[in-house]
Amino acid sequence: MIRKNSAEVGSTLRWFKSSYSDSSNSNECVEVATALGAVHVRDSKHADGPQLAVARGVWADFVTYASGN
């Protein structure tokens, strides 16, 4: 895991919500941004709050696990 203050990286990342996010309930959304060395995740309700950053390979493993494939 990579830990950085959101002010250090937040303004340079391009964030997007999952196509699976429920637009009728904005309280249940996360946003993801990719960078060269990491994938960043944040709570869309607290864009200036903490972020989780993981190596791209770790993110790929998580997505595979979460999708059940």
PDB file of N, CA and C in Angstrom:
ATOM      1  N   MET A   1       0.844  -1.170   0.000  1.00  0.00           N
ATOM      2  CA  MET A   1       0.000   0.000   0.000  1.00  0.00           C
ATOM      3  C   MET A   1       0.893   1.237   0.000  1.00  0.00           C
ATOM      4  N   ILE A   2       0.454   2.234  -0.703  1.00  0.00           N
ATOM      5  CA  ILE A   2       1.159   3.501  -0.775  1.00  0.00           C
ATOM      6  C   ILE A   2       0.309   4.525  -0.045  1.00  0.00           C
ATOM      7  N   ARG A   3       0.894   5.246   0.888  1.00  0.00           N
ATOM      8  CA  ARG A   3       0.123   6.235   1.647  1.00  0.00           C
ATOM      9  C   ARG A   3       0.634   7.629   1.334  1.00  0.00           C
ATOM     10  N   LYS A   4      -0.255   8.474   0.801  1.00  0.00           N
ATOM     11  CA  LYS A   4       0.081   9.860   0.509  1.00  0.00           C
ATOM     12  C   LYS A   4      -1.088  10.737   0.912  1.00  0.00           C
ATOM     13  N   ASN A   5      -0.783  11.932   1.291  1.00  0.00           N
ATOM     14  CA  ASN A   5      -1.806  12.910   1.587  1.00  0.00           C
ATOM     15  C   ASN A   5      -2.536  13.239   0.289  1.00  0.00           C
ATOM     16  N   SER A   6      -3.850  13.355   0.337  1.00  0.00           N
ATOM     17  CA  SER A   6      -4.617  13.617  -0.880  1.00  0.00           C
ATOM     18  C   SER A   6      -4.187  14.906  -1.573  1.00  0.00           C
ATOM     19  N   ALA A   7      -3.700  15.876  -0.834  1.00  0.00           N
ATOM     20  CA  ALA A   7      -3.267  17.132  -1.448  1.00  0.00           C
ATOM     21  C   ALA A   7      -2.039  16.914  -2.329  1.00  0.00           C
ATOM     22  N   GLU A   8      -1.270  15.872  -2.056  1.00  0.00           N
ATOM     23  CA  GLU A   8      -0.070  15.608  -2.839  1.00  0.00           C
ATOM     24  C   GLU A   8      -0.392  15.072  -4.225  1.00  0.00           C
ATOM     25  N   VAL A   9      -1.457  14.286  -4.352  1.00  0.00           N
ATOM     26  CA  VAL A   9      -1.730  13.622  -5.617  1.00  0.00           C
ATOM     27  C   VAL A   9      -3.116  13.882  -6.178  1.00  0.00           C
ATOM     28  N   GLY A  10      -4.051  14.308  -5.356  1.00  0.00           N
ATOM     29  CA  GLY A  10      -5.445  14.401  -5.770  1.00  0.00           C
ATOM     30  C   GLY A  10      -5.702  15.289  -6.969  1.00  0.00           C
ATOM     31  N   SER A  11      -5.005  16.395  -7.072  1.00  0.00           N
ATOM     32  CA  SER A  11      -5.298  17.328  -8.145  1.00  0.00           C
ATOM     33  C   SER A  11      -4.731  16.875  -9.486  1.00  0.00           C
ATOM     34  N   THR A  12      -3.796  15.940  -9.497  1.00  0.00           N
ATOM     35  CA  THR A  12      -3.194  15.509 -10.745  1.00  0.00           C
ATOM     36  C   THR A  12      -3.806  14.216 -11.278  1.00  0.00           C
ATOM     37  N   LEU A  13      -4.674  13.590 -10.509  1.00  0.00           N
ATOM     38  CA  LEU A  13      -5.274  12.334 -10.934  1.00  0.00           C
ATOM     39  C   LEU A  13      -6.620  12.575 -11.601  1.00  0.00           C
ATOM     40  N   ARG A  14      -6.965  11.698 -12.520  1.00  0.00           N
ATOM     41  CA  ARG A  14      -8.272  11.778 -13.183  1.00  0.00           C
ATOM     42  C   ARG A  14      -9.153  10.683 -12.585  1.00  0.00           C
ATOM     43  N   TRP A  15     -10.133  11.084 -11.806  1.00  0.00           N
ATOM     44  CA  TRP A  15     -10.979  10.158 -11.056  1.00  0.00           C
ATOM     45  C   TRP A  15     -12.210   9.768 -11.846  1.00  0.00           C
ATOM     46  N   PHE A  16     -12.673   8.529 -11.660  1.00  0.00           N
ATOM     47  CA  PHE A  16     -13.928   8.086 -12.275  1.00  0.00           C
ATOM     48  C   PHE A  16     -14.635   7.124 -11.352  1.00  0.00           C
ATOM     49  N   LYS A  17     -15.952   7.056 -11.506  1.00  0.00           N
ATOM     50  CA  LYS A  17     -16.769   6.130 -10.727  1.00  0.00           C
ATOM     51  C   LYS A  17     -17.004   4.867 -11.544  1.00  0.00           C
ATOM     52  N   SER A  18     -17.194   3.790 -10.850  1.00  0.00           N
ATOM     53  CA  SER A  18     -17.497   2.524 -11.495  1.00  0.00           C
ATOM     54  C   SER A  18     -18.827   2.604 -12.231  1.00  0.00           C
ATOM     55  N   SER A  19     -18.926   1.894 -13.323  1.00  0.00           N
ATOM     56  CA  SER A  19     -20.203   1.819 -14.036  1.00  0.00           C
ATOM     57  C   SER A  19     -21.234   1.065 -13.205  1.00  0.00           C
ATOM     58  N   TYR A  20     -20.794   0.370 -12.171  1.00  0.00           N
ATOM     59  CA  TYR A  20     -21.698  -0.345 -11.277  1.00  0.00           C
ATOM     60  C   TYR A  20     -22.200   0.526 -10.134  1.00  0.00           C
ATOM     61  N   SER A  21     -21.691   1.748 -10.005  1.00  0.00           N
ATOM     62  CA  SER A  21     -22.150   2.642  -8.941  1.00  0.00           C
ATOM     63  C   SER A  21     -23.614   2.967  -9.163  1.00  0.00           C
ATOM     64  N   ASP A  22     -24.353   2.989  -8.089  1.00  0.00           N
ATOM     65  CA  ASP A  22     -25.783   3.263  -8.134  1.00  0.00           C
ATOM     66  C   ASP A  22     -26.003   4.770  -8.120  1.00  0.00           C
ATOM     67  N   SER A  23     -26.355   5.342  -9.243  1.00  0.00           N
ATOM     68  CA  SER A  23     -26.517   6.794  -9.321  1.00  0.00           C
ATOM     69  C   SER A  23     -27.684   7.293  -8.479  1.00  0.00           C
ATOM     70  N   SER A  24     -28.601   6.411  -8.091  1.00  0.00           N
ATOM     71  CA  SER A  24     -29.727   6.847  -7.265  1.00  0.00           C
ATOM     72  C   SER A  24     -29.341   6.946  -5.789  1.00  0.00           C
ATOM     73  N   ASN A  25     -28.172   6.403  -5.421  1.00  0.00           N
ATOM     74  CA  ASN A  25     -27.719   6.461  -4.038  1.00  0.00           C
ATOM     75  C   ASN A  25     -26.258   6.892  -4.017  1.00  0.00           C
ATOM     76  N   SER A  26     -26.037   8.198  -3.968  1.00  0.00           N
ATOM     77  CA  SER A  26     -24.673   8.722  -4.047  1.00  0.00           C
ATOM     78  C   SER A  26     -23.851   8.435  -2.795  1.00  0.00           C
ATOM     79  N   ASN A  27     -24.442   7.820  -1.785  1.00  0.00           N
ATOM     80  CA  ASN A  27     -23.716   7.486  -0.555  1.00  0.00           C
ATOM     81  C   ASN A  27     -22.924   6.200  -0.677  1.00  0.00           C
ATOM     82  N   GLU A  28     -22.993   5.528  -1.792  1.00  0.00           N
ATOM     83  CA  GLU A  28     -22.328   4.236  -1.938  1.00  0.00           C
ATOM     84  C   GLU A  28     -21.366   4.206  -3.115  1.00  0.00           C
ATOM     85  N   CYS A  29     -20.633   5.262  -3.335  1.00  0.00           N
ATOM     86  CA  CYS A  29     -19.742   5.327  -4.487  1.00  0.00           C
ATOM     87  C   CYS A  29     -18.283   5.481  -4.064  1.00  0.00           C
ATOM     88  N   VAL A  30     -17.444   4.792  -4.775  1.00  0.00           N
ATOM     89  CA  VAL A  30     -16.011   5.024  -4.665  1.00  0.00           C
ATOM     90  C   VAL A  30     -15.540   5.505  -6.028  1.00  0.00           C
ATOM     91  N   GLU A  31     -14.433   6.200  -6.017  1.00  0.00           N
ATOM     92  CA  GLU A  31     -13.830   6.657  -7.256  1.00  0.00           C
ATOM     93  C   GLU A  31     -12.437   6.060  -7.359  1.00  0.00           C
ATOM     94  N   VAL A  32     -12.007   5.833  -8.583  1.00  0.00           N
ATOM     95  CA  VAL A  32     -10.713   5.219  -8.847  1.00  0.00           C
ATOM     96  C   VAL A  32      -9.958   6.095  -9.840  1.00  0.00           C
ATOM     97  N   ALA A  33      -8.650   6.183  -9.651  1.00  0.00           N
ATOM     98  CA  ALA A  33      -7.771   6.885 -10.588  1.00  0.00           C
ATOM     99  C   ALA A  33      -6.529   6.032 -10.784  1.00  0.00           C
ATOM    100  N   THR A  34      -6.085   5.906 -12.013  1.00  0.00           N
ATOM    101  CA  THR A  34      -4.881   5.132 -12.280  1.00  0.00           C
ATOM    102  C   THR A  34      -3.705   6.062 -12.513  1.00  0.00           C
ATOM    103  N   ALA A  35      -2.559   5.614 -12.072  1.00  0.00           N
ATOM    104  CA  ALA A  35      -1.307   6.334 -12.281  1.00  0.00           C
ATOM    105  C   ALA A  35      -0.276   5.296 -12.725  1.00  0.00           C
ATOM    106  N   LEU A  36       0.903   5.735 -13.072  1.00  0.00           N
ATOM    107  CA  LEU A  36       1.921   4.801 -13.556  1.00  0.00           C
ATOM    108  C   LEU A  36       2.213   3.677 -12.564  1.00  0.00           C
ATOM    109  N   GLY A  37       2.390   4.010 -11.300  1.00  0.00           N
ATOM    110  CA  GLY A  37       2.797   3.004 -10.337  1.00  0.00           C
ATOM    111  C   GLY A  37       1.720   2.507  -9.413  1.00  0.00           C
ATOM    112  N   ALA A  38       0.502   3.067  -9.499  1.00  0.00           N
ATOM    113  CA  ALA A  38      -0.512   2.698  -8.519  1.00  0.00           C
ATOM    114  C   ALA A  38      -1.918   2.977  -9.030  1.00  0.00           C
ATOM    115  N   VAL A  39      -2.864   2.356  -8.362  1.00  0.00           N
ATOM    116  CA  VAL A  39      -4.277   2.649  -8.552  1.00  0.00           C
ATOM    117  C   VAL A  39      -4.746   3.284  -7.248  1.00  0.00           C
ATOM    118  N   HIS A  40      -5.389   4.439  -7.357  1.00  0.00           N
ATOM    119  CA  HIS A  40      -5.842   5.187  -6.190  1.00  0.00           C
ATOM    120  C   HIS A  40      -7.346   5.030  -6.047  1.00  0.00           C
ATOM    121  N   VAL A  41      -7.809   4.905  -4.806  1.00  0.00           N
ATOM    122  CA  VAL A  41      -9.228   4.730  -4.508  1.00  0.00           C
ATOM    123  C   VAL A  41      -9.605   5.735  -3.428  1.00  0.00           C
ATOM    124  N   ARG A  42     -10.775   6.360  -3.585  1.00  0.00           N
ATOM    125  CA  ARG A  42     -11.259   7.299  -2.571  1.00  0.00           C
ATOM    126  C   ARG A  42     -12.774   7.222  -2.482  1.00  0.00           C
ATOM    127  N   ASP A  43     -13.304   7.738  -1.399  1.00  0.00           N
ATOM    128  CA  ASP A  43     -14.739   7.848  -1.178  1.00  0.00           C
ATOM    129  C   ASP A  43     -15.222   9.077  -1.934  1.00  0.00           C
ATOM    130  N   SER A  44     -16.181   8.914  -2.809  1.00  0.00           N
ATOM    131  CA  SER A  44     -16.634  10.043  -3.625  1.00  0.00           C
ATOM    132  C   SER A  44     -17.277  11.145  -2.799  1.00  0.00           C
ATOM    133  N   LYS A  45     -17.785  10.820  -1.613  1.00  0.00           N
ATOM    134  CA  LYS A  45     -18.390  11.835  -0.755  1.00  0.00           C
ATOM    135  C   LYS A  45     -17.340  12.700  -0.075  1.00  0.00           C
ATOM    136  N   HIS A  46     -16.110  12.212  -0.002  1.00  0.00           N
ATOM    137  CA  HIS A  46     -15.019  12.918   0.679  1.00  0.00           C
ATOM    138  C   HIS A  46     -13.806  12.996  -0.245  1.00  0.00           C
ATOM    139  N   ALA A  47     -13.973  13.673  -1.353  1.00  0.00           N
ATOM    140  CA  ALA A  47     -12.923  13.736  -2.373  1.00  0.00           C
ATOM    141  C   ALA A  47     -11.613  14.307  -1.840  1.00  0.00           C
ATOM    142  N   ASP A  48     -11.673  15.160  -0.842  1.00  0.00           N
ATOM    143  CA  ASP A  48     -10.456  15.723  -0.270  1.00  0.00           C
ATOM    144  C   ASP A  48      -9.924  14.899   0.900  1.00  0.00           C
ATOM    145  N   GLY A  49     -10.598  13.806   1.206  1.00  0.00           N
ATOM    146  CA  GLY A  49     -10.210  12.963   2.325  1.00  0.00           C
ATOM    147  C   GLY A  49      -9.116  11.975   1.954  1.00  0.00           C
ATOM    148  N   PRO A  50      -8.937  10.972   2.792  1.00  0.00           N
ATOM    149  CA  PRO A  50      -7.873   9.995   2.563  1.00  0.00           C
ATOM    150  C   PRO A  50      -8.093   9.182   1.294  1.00  0.00           C
ATOM    151  N   GLN A  51      -7.001   8.700   0.762  1.00  0.00           N
ATOM    152  CA  GLN A  51      -7.022   7.844  -0.427  1.00  0.00           C
ATOM    153  C   GLN A  51      -6.235   6.585  -0.125  1.00  0.00           C
ATOM    154  N   LEU A  52      -6.634   5.521  -0.772  1.00  0.00           N
ATOM    155  CA  LEU A  52      -5.895   4.271  -0.712  1.00  0.00           C
ATOM    156  C   LEU A  52      -5.213   4.114  -2.059  1.00  0.00           C
ATOM    157  N   ALA A  53      -3.934   3.815  -2.048  1.00  0.00           N
ATOM    158  CA  ALA A  53      -3.206   3.581  -3.293  1.00  0.00           C
ATOM    159  C   ALA A  53      -2.533   2.221  -3.199  1.00  0.00           C
ATOM    160  N   VAL A  54      -2.731   1.400  -4.224  1.00  0.00           N
ATOM    161  CA  VAL A  54      -2.130   0.066  -4.257  1.00  0.00           C
ATOM    162  C   VAL A  54      -1.422  -0.131  -5.596  1.00  0.00           C
ATOM    163  N   ALA A  55      -0.467  -1.014  -5.604  1.00  0.00           N
ATOM    164  CA  ALA A  55       0.244  -1.334  -6.842  1.00  0.00           C
ATOM    165  C   ALA A  55      -0.748  -1.882  -7.868  1.00  0.00           C
ATOM    166  N   ARG A  56      -0.469  -1.631  -9.129  1.00  0.00           N
ATOM    167  CA  ARG A  56      -1.395  -2.040 -10.202  1.00  0.00           C
ATOM    168  C   ARG A  56      -1.666  -3.538 -10.198  1.00  0.00           C
ATOM    169  N   GLY A  57      -0.648  -4.342  -9.934  1.00  0.00           N
ATOM    170  CA  GLY A  57      -0.828  -5.797  -9.890  1.00  0.00           C
ATOM    171  C   GLY A  57      -1.735  -6.229  -8.747  1.00  0.00           C
ATOM    172  N   VAL A  58      -1.607  -5.555  -7.618  1.00  0.00           N
ATOM    173  CA  VAL A  58      -2.459  -5.843  -6.465  1.00  0.00           C
ATOM    174  C   VAL A  58      -3.907  -5.497  -6.800  1.00  0.00           C
ATOM    175  N   TRP A  59      -4.115  -4.371  -7.464  1.00  0.00           N
ATOM    176  CA  TRP A  59      -5.467  -3.968  -7.865  1.00  0.00           C
ATOM    177  C   TRP A  59      -6.059  -5.001  -8.832  1.00  0.00           C
ATOM    178  N   ALA A  60      -5.279  -5.445  -9.791  1.00  0.00           N
ATOM    179  CA  ALA A  60      -5.751  -6.441 -10.750  1.00  0.00           C
ATOM    180  C   ALA A  60      -6.172  -7.723 -10.025  1.00  0.00           C
ATOM    181  N   ASP A  61      -5.375  -8.146  -9.040  1.00  0.00           N
ATOM    182  CA  ASP A  61      -5.718  -9.341  -8.258  1.00  0.00           C
ATOM    183  C   ASP A  61      -7.026  -9.117  -7.484  1.00  0.00           C
ATOM    184  N   PHE A  62      -7.187  -7.928  -6.898  1.00  0.00           N
ATOM    185  CA  PHE A  62      -8.403  -7.620  -6.152  1.00  0.00           C
ATOM    186  C   PHE A  62      -9.628  -7.651  -7.072  1.00  0.00           C
ATOM    187  N   VAL A  63      -9.535  -7.031  -8.233  1.00  0.00           N
ATOM    188  CA  VAL A  63     -10.671  -7.002  -9.154  1.00  0.00           C
ATOM    189  C   VAL A  63     -11.050  -8.418  -9.590  1.00  0.00           C
ATOM    190  N   THR A  64     -10.045  -9.232  -9.870  1.00  0.00           N
ATOM    191  CA  THR A  64     -10.315 -10.629 -10.243  1.00  0.00           C
ATOM    192  C   THR A  64     -11.026 -11.345  -9.102  1.00  0.00           C
ATOM    193  N   TYR A  65     -10.545 -11.176  -7.884  1.00  0.00           N
ATOM    194  CA  TYR A  65     -11.149 -11.808  -6.718  1.00  0.00           C
ATOM    195  C   TYR A  65     -12.575 -11.303  -6.519  1.00  0.00           C
ATOM    196  N   ALA A  66     -12.762  -9.980  -6.562  1.00  0.00           N
ATOM    197  CA  ALA A  66     -14.078  -9.388  -6.303  1.00  0.00           C
ATOM    198  C   ALA A  66     -15.109  -9.766  -7.359  1.00  0.00           C
ATOM    199  N   SER A  67     -14.656  -9.992  -8.577  1.00  0.00           N
ATOM    200  CA  SER A  67     -15.589 -10.351  -9.646  1.00  0.00           C
ATOM    201  C   SER A  67     -15.948 -11.830  -9.625  1.00  0.00           C
ATOM    202  N   GLY A  68     -15.244 -12.598  -8.802  1.00  0.00           N
ATOM    203  CA  GLY A  68     -15.557 -14.020  -8.680  1.00  0.00           C
ATOM    204  C   GLY A  68     -15.014 -14.868  -9.806  1.00  0.00           C
ATOM    205  N   ASN A  69     -14.106 -14.336 -10.605  1.00  0.00           N
ATOM    206  CA  ASN A  69     -13.522 -15.101 -11.729  1.00  0.00           C
ATOM    207  C   ASN A  69     -12.202 -15.698 -11.349  1.00  0.00           C
TER     208      ASN A  69
END
